[in-house]
Structure formats: structure tokens, C-alpha cells
Amino acid sequence: MLILIISVLLYQYIKVTIYEGISQSLAYEAKILSTSANLSKVEKPFEYFTLNDSPTRAKLVEGKTVSPYFVTERVGQKTHLTLFYPYMDDISVALTKETTHQSKLIDQILIDIIMVNATSILLVIFYVLFLSRMLLVPIKILSRKMTNLNERFLQAVSLDELPPEFKPLGKSLNRLIERIQTFVLYQKELFVGVAHELKTPLAVMKTKNEVTLIKPRESEKYIEALKNNNEAINQMNKMIGSILEIGRQEGAQFEEAVRIDIIEFLNQSANNFKILARGEGKDIATDFAPNRLEMTLQTTLLTHVIQNFVQNAIKFSPRGAVVTLRSRLSENEFIIEVVDEGCGIDESKDLFAPFKRFGDKGGAGLGLFLAKGAAQALGGSVSIKNRTDGHSGAISTLTLAINKNNKGK
């Protein structure tokens, strides 16, 4: 469509340009003749020649002409352009010049433009068809690879088979495949861990019951066995609750993010944690910076991370200890830290692995694992390091990226 519009405009421009010279020449000649006093005495049409020009036929015609105007006429194979120019009150001068050559030139230009347009359109159609088929090849390769993918066969896309313009797409797909592989491995590890953690106490309960039932015993022995079973059941209930928390956490990832003053949010959370800490003979101190910082995030996930860090800090700190909840800005990151006064950690071990327990405190071993998942869903990261200020204890850190839309002071 654009080609046709440009061609029409070009044709009209060429046509006007060619006839413009003839029109100006006739207008100039008519102006000169109209000033001649002897022209009124001429009774017959006459012709005259100008330098390097075709002959012009002039005649007087009856009829009043208010303003000059042009008329194009065709006689046989010849075309003429006539200018009617005012001369006297009821007489006009008619100047006629043959334009056959110019008309043929314009017609030939029109034919050439049509041929060029037709050829261009055909070439464009051919190129589009060829290009579309060429572009479909890598798309079909990617589609075939994606169709063959499943949880048992996850293979990265070979970037060497793709043209340069498709390599960013291939890299994005490979990152997606890598994330799926990580998720599948995580699910397998979780399922194996759940099975193992539930199987062990069940096996212990079964063995104790079988031993108790081998021979008649005193009622106290049966009561003791039942109490042991209840303790094991309570531990399994805690573990099942932690497993259910995984599902709730995954649902929280789809929670709508809200804009909050995260410093105010941390202050409110710290006040709630103080009640928990003081119930165990400990306390919570705060040190938040900046004074105000607006961020957009899922508050449920943030609460899950902070709550897990603080609960662990309270659990592993001795009676009378002070757990510090603090925050700070570092370039384009907002850092939240929970500092305890416990015995520290073994930094060589993966504390965030599922069903891993450290120290002599009970638990399902899923708290830090869930905290890491929540932090990743927030687009952040977590870490735990020993204190380096000369005191015993550990520092649990949540790092969140901030952008230009986040406002602080």
C-alpha cells in the first residue's frame, strides 16, 4: 500500500513538472501578445516559433475570459495544450502548443512505474514468504524441543542451532528449563525427606508396641508406651504442619503485592516478637534505618522470613539474652538482620536444606528451608553467618533489591 501511494505521488509530481514548463511558456507568450495593439487586426490564426521550442498557434476567439485557464485536447494521436487569455472585453487570445511528445513521455513513465511497482510487490511477497519460512525453522526447532520436554527429560536448548536473533530467546528458555530442573530436584528431595522423617518414628512406634505386647506387663508399662507414642505423634504432627506450611507459602507467592512502609512494618513485627521473647526470659532490641522506606512486596512472605529468623534467634539464645532486629540500606539493596547471642553455627553446613537439624533444639528441620523459599519469592536472598564483633552468636540476613520507585528517607 505504501509503495502504491508513493508511486502515485511521484507520477503526479513528474506530470506536473513536465507540463509546468509548457504552461509557464504559454502564459509568458500570452502576456506579451495581449499588450500588442496590432493583434486585434489579425483575422486568421497564425503560428510563430520561439527559441528551442515547438511552434505555437495563436488566434483570437470571441467570448469574455475573466482569468486565464488551460484546456487539454487530443486530436487523433496528437495532444495539445491551449491557454485562453483575456485580451479585450469580448475577445480572448487562444495559444495552442502541441504536447504529444510530453504526453508520450508521461505515459511511458506511468508504464515504467507500474512495471517497477509490480516487480517490487512480487519481490516483497517472495522475500516475505522466504523470510517467514526461514524464521519458522528455529521456531519449529524450539517448539519440537519444548514438546518433548517432561519432568524426566529436561535438556537445554542448543544455542548453536539457532540464528543470532533467536539466541536471547534460547537463553531465556534454558534459564526456564534450569529453574524447572531445580524445582523437580527440590520436589524429589522434599518427598524423600518427608517419607524418611515420617517412616522413622512410625518404625520406632511399631517396634515399641511389638516389644510391649510380647508378654503381659504391668499397667505402668502400657501407660509409658502410650505416652511415648503420643510424643512421637506430636512430633509427626509438627512435621506435617511444617509440610503444610510449604503449600501455604507457595500460595502466598501469588498474593497481591502491596506498597508499605517497611520500617513501620518491622517495628510492628518487633513489638509482637517482644511478647514471645519475654515469655522465655529474653528481649528484643531494634535498630532500623532509614526512618522510612516504601516498598512493594507480599507481606505474608516477608513475615514468614522475619518470624523464622527471630524464632530461631530466641530459641538458640540463652536466658537473659537480647536479640537485635535491625535494618540498613546498602546501595540498591535493603538489608534486614537478626542478631542473636547463641553459640553460633557451623558455616560449612547447608543450614537451608530441608529436614536438617542442628544443635540440641527440636523441630522439623523445615523452618530455614521455607524461609529461603519465601525470600526467593520476594526476589531476595537469605544467609546466616557467625558474628564477627567478638561476641558469640549468629547473624541471619535477608537482602531485598530496591528500585527507583522505592522511596526512603
Protein backbone atom coordinates (compact mmCIF):
# COMPACT_ATOMS: atom_id res chain seq x y z
CA MET A 1 0.00 0.00 0.00
CA LEU A 2 2.80 2.39 0.86
CA ILE A 3 4.51 1.62 -2.46
CA LEU A 4 1.31 2.49 -4.37
CA ILE A 5 0.86 5.78 -2.52
CA ILE A 6 4.46 6.83 -3.13
CA SER A 7 4.19 5.83 -6.81
CA VAL A 8 1.01 7.87 -7.34
CA LEU A 9 2.58 10.92 -5.70
CA LEU A 10 5.74 10.51 -7.78
CA TYR A 11 3.75 10.17 -11.01
CA GLN A 12 1.71 13.29 -10.27
CA TYR A 13 4.84 15.24 -9.40
CA ILE A 14 6.57 14.25 -12.67
CA LYS A 15 3.45 15.04 -14.70
CA VAL A 16 3.03 18.48 -13.15
CA THR A 17 6.74 19.23 -13.54
CA ILE A 18 6.73 18.36 -17.26
CA TYR A 19 3.64 20.42 -18.04
CA GLU A 20 4.73 23.28 -15.81
CA GLY A 21 7.36 24.45 -18.28
CA ILE A 22 4.90 24.49 -21.18
CA SER A 23 2.26 26.27 -19.09
CA GLN A 24 4.67 28.98 -17.99
CA SER A 25 5.88 29.46 -21.57
CA LEU A 26 2.33 29.88 -22.90
CA ALA A 27 1.44 32.29 -20.10
CA TYR A 28 4.50 34.41 -20.83
CA GLU A 29 3.80 34.50 -24.58
CA ALA A 30 0.12 35.35 -23.99
CA LYS A 31 1.08 38.23 -21.75
CA ILE A 32 3.35 39.67 -24.45
CA LEU A 33 0.75 39.25 -27.23
CA SER A 34 -2.02 40.81 -25.16
CA THR A 35 -0.02 44.04 -24.96
CA SER A 36 0.24 44.30 -28.76
CA ALA A 37 -2.15 46.85 -30.26
CA ASN A 38 -1.92 45.26 -33.74
CA LEU A 39 -3.16 41.86 -32.56
CA SER A 40 -6.78 42.96 -32.95
CA LYS A 41 -6.20 43.45 -36.67
CA VAL A 42 -5.20 39.82 -37.20
CA GLU A 43 -8.15 37.95 -38.69
CA LYS A 44 -6.67 34.50 -39.28
CA PRO A 45 -4.86 32.16 -36.91
CA PHE A 46 -1.11 32.33 -37.17
CA GLU A 47 1.88 30.38 -35.93
CA TYR A 48 5.11 31.62 -34.51
CA PHE A 49 8.27 29.98 -33.21
CA THR A 50 10.26 30.62 -30.09
CA LEU A 51 13.87 29.66 -29.44
CA ASN A 52 14.30 25.87 -28.91
CA ASP A 53 10.55 25.35 -28.76
CA SER A 54 7.75 23.85 -30.84
CA PRO A 55 5.55 26.22 -32.87
CA THR A 56 2.72 27.97 -31.09
CA ARG A 57 -0.61 28.58 -32.85
CA ALA A 58 -2.36 31.81 -31.88
CA LYS A 59 -5.85 33.07 -32.69
CA LEU A 60 -8.46 35.43 -31.39
CA VAL A 61 -11.72 33.93 -30.14
CA GLU A 62 -14.92 35.61 -29.20
CA GLY A 63 -16.04 35.39 -25.62
CA LYS A 64 -15.07 37.08 -22.41
CA THR A 65 -12.39 35.43 -20.28
CA VAL A 66 -12.18 36.61 -16.71
CA SER A 67 -8.94 34.79 -15.87
CA PRO A 68 -6.50 32.62 -17.83
CA TYR A 69 -7.23 28.89 -17.98
CA PHE A 70 -5.80 25.82 -19.76
CA VAL A 71 -7.55 23.15 -21.82
CA THR A 72 -6.00 19.84 -22.89
CA GLU A 73 -7.37 18.14 -26.01
CA ARG A 74 -6.47 15.09 -28.05
CA VAL A 75 -6.81 15.03 -31.87
CA GLY A 76 -6.01 11.63 -33.31
CA GLN A 77 -2.59 10.62 -32.00
CA LYS A 78 -1.66 14.16 -31.06
CA THR A 79 -2.35 16.14 -27.90
CA HIS A 80 -2.46 19.90 -27.50
CA LEU A 81 -2.47 22.32 -24.59
CA THR A 82 -4.45 25.55 -25.12
CA LEU A 83 -4.30 28.68 -23.00
CA PHE A 84 -7.24 31.09 -23.09
CA TYR A 85 -6.02 34.53 -22.04
CA PRO A 86 -8.06 37.77 -21.60
CA TYR A 87 -7.39 40.34 -24.36
CA MET A 88 -10.31 42.71 -24.83
CA ASP A 89 -13.76 42.94 -23.27
CA ASP A 90 -15.34 40.28 -25.51
CA ILE A 91 -12.25 38.75 -27.13
CA SER A 92 -9.66 36.32 -25.79
CA VAL A 93 -6.32 35.09 -27.06
CA ALA A 94 -6.04 31.33 -27.54
CA LEU A 95 -2.49 29.96 -27.66
CA THR A 96 -2.14 26.28 -28.57
CA LYS A 97 1.02 24.22 -28.34
CA GLU A 98 1.43 20.56 -29.29
CA THR A 99 2.30 18.33 -26.29
CA THR A 100 2.37 14.94 -27.99
CA HIS A 101 5.97 14.27 -27.00
CA GLN A 102 5.35 15.21 -23.39
CA SER A 103 2.19 13.07 -23.24
CA LYS A 104 4.04 10.05 -24.61
CA LEU A 105 6.83 10.63 -22.11
CA ILE A 106 4.33 10.76 -19.23
CA ASP A 107 2.56 7.63 -20.49
CA GLN A 108 5.89 5.81 -20.70
CA ILE A 109 6.77 6.94 -17.18
CA LEU A 110 3.39 5.62 -15.98
CA ILE A 111 4.06 2.25 -17.61
CA ASP A 112 7.55 2.13 -16.10
CA ILE A 113 6.20 2.96 -12.63
CA ILE A 114 3.55 0.23 -12.93
CA MET A 115 6.18 -2.31 -14.00
CA VAL A 116 8.55 -1.30 -11.21
CA ASN A 117 5.72 -1.49 -8.67
CA ALA A 118 4.60 -4.89 -9.90
CA THR A 119 8.17 -6.19 -9.76
CA SER A 120 8.70 -4.68 -6.31
CA ILE A 121 5.48 -6.18 -4.96
CA LEU A 122 6.41 -9.61 -6.32
CA LEU A 123 9.88 -9.33 -4.80
CA VAL A 124 8.41 -8.24 -1.46
CA ILE A 125 5.94 -11.14 -1.49
CA PHE A 126 8.73 -13.58 -2.35
CA TYR A 127 11.00 -12.14 0.32
CA VAL A 128 8.25 -12.23 2.94
CA LEU A 129 7.41 -15.85 2.12
CA PHE A 130 11.08 -16.82 2.12
CA LEU A 131 11.80 -14.91 5.31
CA SER A 132 8.75 -16.33 7.09
CA ARG A 133 9.77 -19.87 6.18
CA MET A 134 13.33 -19.15 7.29
CA LEU A 135 12.11 -17.70 10.60
CA LEU A 136 9.78 -20.64 11.17
CA VAL A 137 12.68 -23.11 11.14
CA PRO A 138 14.15 -22.09 14.54
CA ILE A 139 10.65 -21.65 15.95
CA LYS A 140 9.80 -25.21 14.90
CA ILE A 141 13.05 -26.43 16.46
CA LEU A 142 12.20 -24.72 19.75
CA SER A 143 8.60 -25.94 19.59
CA ARG A 144 9.71 -29.53 18.99
CA LYS A 145 12.16 -29.38 21.90
CA MET A 146 9.55 -27.86 24.22
CA THR A 147 7.01 -30.51 23.20
CA ASN A 148 9.42 -33.33 24.07
CA LEU A 149 10.24 -31.91 27.50
CA ASN A 150 8.86 -33.55 30.63
CA GLU A 151 9.93 -33.93 34.24
CA ARG A 152 12.10 -36.94 33.32
CA PHE A 153 13.70 -35.42 30.22
CA LEU A 154 14.84 -31.83 30.68
CA GLN A 155 17.50 -30.93 28.14
CA ALA A 156 18.78 -27.43 27.46
CA VAL A 157 18.29 -25.90 24.01
CA SER A 158 21.44 -25.91 21.88
CA LEU A 159 22.14 -22.27 21.01
CA ASP A 160 24.42 -23.29 18.12
CA GLU A 161 21.36 -24.42 16.14
CA LEU A 162 19.69 -21.01 16.43
CA PRO A 163 20.33 -17.84 14.40
CA PRO A 164 21.72 -14.85 16.34
CA GLU A 165 18.34 -13.11 16.67
CA PHE A 166 16.85 -16.20 18.37
CA LYS A 167 19.69 -16.79 20.84
CA PRO A 168 18.23 -14.46 23.54
CA LEU A 169 15.01 -16.49 23.36
CA GLY A 170 17.01 -19.72 23.59
CA LYS A 171 18.88 -18.41 26.64
CA SER A 172 15.59 -17.47 28.31
CA LEU A 173 14.20 -20.95 27.65
CA ASN A 174 17.37 -22.53 29.06
CA ARG A 175 17.01 -20.46 32.22
CA LEU A 176 13.41 -21.62 32.49
CA ILE A 177 14.46 -25.25 31.98
CA GLU A 178 17.15 -24.83 34.64
CA ARG A 179 14.57 -23.48 37.08
CA ILE A 180 12.26 -26.40 36.31
CA GLN A 181 15.14 -28.83 36.91
CA THR A 182 15.86 -27.17 40.26
CA PHE A 183 12.18 -27.32 41.20
CA VAL A 184 11.90 -31.01 40.23
CA LEU A 185 15.02 -31.87 42.25
CA TYR A 186 13.65 -29.85 45.15
CA GLN A 187 10.35 -31.74 44.99
CA LYS A 188 12.10 -35.10 44.86
CA GLU A 189 14.35 -34.18 47.78
CA LEU A 190 11.34 -32.97 49.73
CA PHE A 191 9.31 -36.12 49.08
CA VAL A 192 12.21 -38.38 50.04
CA GLY A 193 12.81 -36.33 53.17
CA VAL A 194 9.12 -36.42 54.14
CA ALA A 195 8.96 -40.18 53.65
CA HIS A 196 12.11 -40.71 55.70
CA GLU A 197 11.10 -38.36 58.50
CA LEU A 198 7.68 -39.99 58.85
CA LYS A 199 8.89 -43.55 58.39
CA THR A 200 11.45 -43.42 61.22
CA PRO A 201 9.08 -42.51 64.11
CA LEU A 202 6.45 -44.90 62.78
CA ALA A 203 9.00 -47.72 62.76
CA VAL A 204 10.07 -46.85 66.31
CA MET A 205 6.44 -46.80 67.47
CA LYS A 206 5.77 -50.15 65.82
CA THR A 207 8.85 -51.74 67.41
CA LYS A 208 7.99 -50.42 70.88
CA ASN A 209 4.43 -51.65 70.58
CA GLU A 210 5.58 -55.09 69.45
CA VAL A 211 8.03 -55.34 72.34
CA THR A 212 5.35 -54.23 74.79
CA LEU A 213 2.91 -56.84 73.50
CA ILE A 214 5.34 -59.78 73.59
CA LYS A 215 4.23 -60.67 77.12
CA PRO A 216 1.80 -59.37 79.71
CA ARG A 217 3.16 -56.33 81.56
CA GLU A 218 2.15 -54.03 84.36
CA SER A 219 -0.24 -51.22 83.56
CA GLU A 220 2.52 -48.63 84.07
CA LYS A 221 4.47 -50.12 81.15
CA TYR A 222 1.46 -49.80 78.85
CA ILE A 223 0.90 -46.23 80.02
CA GLU A 224 4.56 -45.43 79.35
CA ALA A 225 4.34 -46.95 75.87
CA LEU A 226 1.22 -44.91 75.10
CA LYS A 227 2.90 -41.72 76.33
CA ASN A 228 5.89 -42.42 74.09
CA ASN A 229 3.55 -42.98 71.19
CA ASN A 230 1.79 -39.68 71.90
CA GLU A 231 5.12 -37.84 71.96
CA ALA A 232 6.07 -39.37 68.61
CA ILE A 233 2.66 -38.47 67.20
CA ASN A 234 3.05 -34.88 68.40
CA GLN A 235 6.42 -34.66 66.65
CA MET A 236 4.91 -36.02 63.46
CA ASN A 237 2.05 -33.52 63.72
CA LYS A 238 4.59 -30.70 63.95
CA MET A 239 6.35 -32.07 60.90
CA ILE A 240 3.10 -32.38 58.95
CA GLY A 241 2.27 -28.80 59.96
CA SER A 242 5.61 -27.66 58.54
CA ILE A 243 4.93 -29.58 55.32
CA LEU A 244 1.51 -27.93 55.04
CA GLU A 245 3.28 -24.61 55.52
CA ILE A 246 5.11 -25.28 52.25
CA GLY A 247 1.78 -25.35 50.43
CA ARG A 248 0.62 -22.18 52.15
CA GLN A 249 3.89 -20.48 51.27
CA GLU A 250 3.54 -21.38 47.60
CA GLY A 251 0.05 -19.90 47.70
CA ALA A 252 1.44 -16.73 49.29
CA GLN A 253 3.69 -16.25 46.26
CA PHE A 254 0.54 -15.36 44.30
CA GLU A 255 -0.58 -12.87 46.95
CA GLU A 256 -1.01 -9.39 45.53
CA ALA A 257 1.96 -7.20 46.38
CA VAL A 258 1.11 -4.07 48.37
CA ARG A 259 3.02 -0.86 48.94
CA ILE A 260 4.01 -0.44 52.59
CA ASP A 261 6.42 1.48 54.78
CA ILE A 262 8.67 -1.47 55.56
CA ILE A 263 10.25 0.29 58.57
CA GLU A 264 6.85 0.71 60.20
CA PHE A 265 6.06 -2.92 59.33
CA LEU A 266 9.27 -4.10 61.03
CA ASN A 267 8.51 -2.01 64.13
CA GLN A 268 5.07 -3.59 64.44
CA SER A 269 6.54 -7.07 63.97
CA ALA A 270 9.22 -6.39 66.60
CA ASN A 271 6.55 -5.42 69.15
CA ASN A 272 4.85 -8.77 68.59
CA PHE A 273 8.13 -10.66 68.91
CA LYS A 274 8.89 -8.94 72.23
CA ILE A 275 5.94 -10.74 73.83
CA LEU A 276 7.30 -14.09 72.64
CA ALA A 277 10.86 -13.31 73.77
CA ARG A 278 9.91 -12.04 77.22
CA GLY A 279 7.89 -15.20 77.79
CA GLU A 280 11.20 -17.08 77.61
CA GLY A 281 13.19 -14.60 79.69
CA LYS A 282 14.77 -12.82 76.71
CA ASP A 283 14.24 -9.47 74.99
CA ILE A 284 14.12 -7.87 71.53
CA ALA A 285 16.07 -4.72 70.58
CA THR A 286 15.60 -2.76 67.34
CA ASP A 287 17.84 -0.54 65.22
CA PHE A 288 16.13 0.40 61.94
CA ALA A 289 17.47 2.63 59.18
CA PRO A 290 16.36 4.62 57.26
CA ASN A 291 13.48 6.22 59.15
CA ARG A 292 11.07 5.43 56.33
CA LEU A 293 11.19 3.26 53.22
CA GLU A 294 8.28 2.41 50.93
CA MET A 295 8.47 -0.93 49.11
CA THR A 296 6.03 -3.07 47.14
CA LEU A 297 6.03 -6.72 48.22
CA GLN A 298 3.99 -9.63 49.62
CA THR A 299 3.77 -9.04 53.37
CA THR A 300 2.93 -12.69 54.16
CA LEU A 301 6.21 -13.88 52.70
CA LEU A 302 8.18 -11.15 54.46
CA THR A 303 6.56 -12.05 57.78
CA HIS A 304 7.43 -15.71 57.25
CA VAL A 305 11.14 -14.97 56.79
CA ILE A 306 11.46 -12.49 59.68
CA GLN A 307 9.40 -14.65 62.03
CA ASN A 308 11.54 -17.72 61.31
CA PHE A 309 14.78 -15.82 61.90
CA VAL A 310 13.55 -14.28 65.17
CA GLN A 311 12.12 -17.57 66.49
CA ASN A 312 15.42 -19.34 65.82
CA ALA A 313 17.34 -16.48 67.46
CA ILE A 314 15.14 -16.69 70.56
CA LYS A 315 15.38 -20.50 70.62
CA PHE A 316 19.18 -20.65 70.46
CA SER A 317 19.97 -17.62 72.66
CA PRO A 318 20.47 -18.17 76.42
CA ARG A 319 18.11 -16.82 79.04
CA GLY A 320 18.60 -13.08 79.61
CA ALA A 321 19.96 -12.56 76.07
CA VAL A 322 18.91 -9.72 73.78
CA VAL A 323 18.02 -10.47 70.14
CA THR A 324 18.56 -7.47 67.86
CA LEU A 325 16.38 -6.82 64.82
CA ARG A 326 17.98 -4.17 62.59
CA SER A 327 17.94 -2.87 59.02
CA ARG A 328 20.04 -0.70 56.72
CA LEU A 329 20.41 0.46 53.13
CA SER A 330 23.39 -0.63 51.04
CA GLU A 331 23.47 0.85 47.52
CA ASN A 332 20.44 -0.69 45.76
CA GLU A 333 19.67 -3.22 48.50
CA PHE A 334 17.67 -3.16 51.71
CA ILE A 335 19.17 -5.47 54.34
CA ILE A 336 17.31 -6.88 57.36
CA GLU A 337 19.39 -8.64 60.03
CA VAL A 338 18.51 -10.66 63.12
CA VAL A 339 21.43 -10.89 65.57
CA ASP A 340 21.34 -13.47 68.37
CA GLU A 341 23.60 -14.30 71.32
CA GLY A 342 23.66 -18.06 70.86
CA CYS A 343 26.56 -20.42 70.32
CA GLY A 344 26.95 -19.65 66.61
CA ILE A 345 26.74 -22.02 63.64
CA ASP A 346 28.87 -24.36 61.58
CA GLU A 347 29.24 -22.32 58.38
CA SER A 348 30.43 -25.37 56.43
CA LYS A 349 26.94 -26.93 56.60
CA ASP A 350 23.92 -26.10 54.48
CA LEU A 351 21.52 -24.73 57.08
CA PHE A 352 18.78 -24.19 54.49
CA ALA A 353 18.49 -27.83 53.38
CA PRO A 354 15.16 -29.50 54.25
CA PHE A 355 14.95 -31.78 57.31
CA LYS A 356 18.38 -30.73 58.54
CA ARG A 357 18.56 -30.12 62.31
CA PHE A 358 21.47 -28.53 64.13
CA GLY A 359 22.08 -28.16 67.82
CA ASP A 360 20.12 -29.77 70.61
CA LYS A 361 16.83 -27.99 69.89
CA GLY A 362 13.86 -29.88 68.48
CA GLY A 363 11.99 -29.10 65.29
CA ALA A 364 11.03 -30.47 61.90
CA GLY A 365 14.07 -29.00 60.17
CA LEU A 366 11.97 -27.11 57.61
CA GLY A 367 11.96 -23.57 59.01
CA LEU A 368 15.04 -22.20 57.27
CA PHE A 369 14.20 -24.17 54.14
CA LEU A 370 10.82 -22.39 53.99
CA ALA A 371 12.43 -19.03 54.79
CA LYS A 372 14.77 -19.41 51.83
CA GLY A 373 11.85 -20.20 49.52
CA ALA A 374 9.91 -17.17 50.77
CA ALA A 375 12.94 -14.90 50.25
CA GLN A 376 13.41 -16.14 46.69
CA ALA A 377 9.72 -15.49 46.00
CA LEU A 378 10.30 -11.91 47.20
CA GLY A 379 13.19 -11.60 44.76
CA GLY A 380 15.73 -11.58 47.58
CA SER A 381 18.21 -13.88 49.29
CA VAL A 382 18.99 -15.14 52.79
CA SER A 383 22.18 -16.08 54.60
CA ILE A 384 23.40 -16.95 58.11
CA LYS A 385 26.91 -16.10 59.32
CA ASN A 386 28.66 -16.07 62.67
CA ARG A 387 29.11 -12.72 64.38
CA THR A 388 32.48 -11.03 63.85
CA ASP A 389 32.24 -8.39 66.62
CA GLY A 390 33.89 -10.53 69.27
CA HIS A 391 30.62 -11.88 70.67
CA SER A 392 29.19 -15.36 70.20
CA GLY A 393 26.08 -15.78 68.10
CA ALA A 394 24.91 -15.63 64.52
CA ILE A 395 23.51 -13.03 62.12
CA SER A 396 20.58 -14.07 59.92
CA THR A 397 20.29 -11.77 56.90
CA LEU A 398 17.50 -11.07 54.40
CA THR A 399 18.59 -8.98 51.39
CA LEU A 400 15.94 -7.33 49.20
CA ALA A 401 16.58 -5.42 45.99
CA ILE A 402 15.12 -1.93 45.80
CA ASN A 403 14.32 0.05 42.66
CA LYS A 404 13.79 3.70 41.74
CA ASN A 405 10.11 3.50 42.70
CA ASN A 406 11.01 2.76 46.33
CA LYS A 407 11.15 5.93 48.41
CA GLY A 408 13.10 6.30 51.62
CA LYS A 409 14.42 9.00 53.88
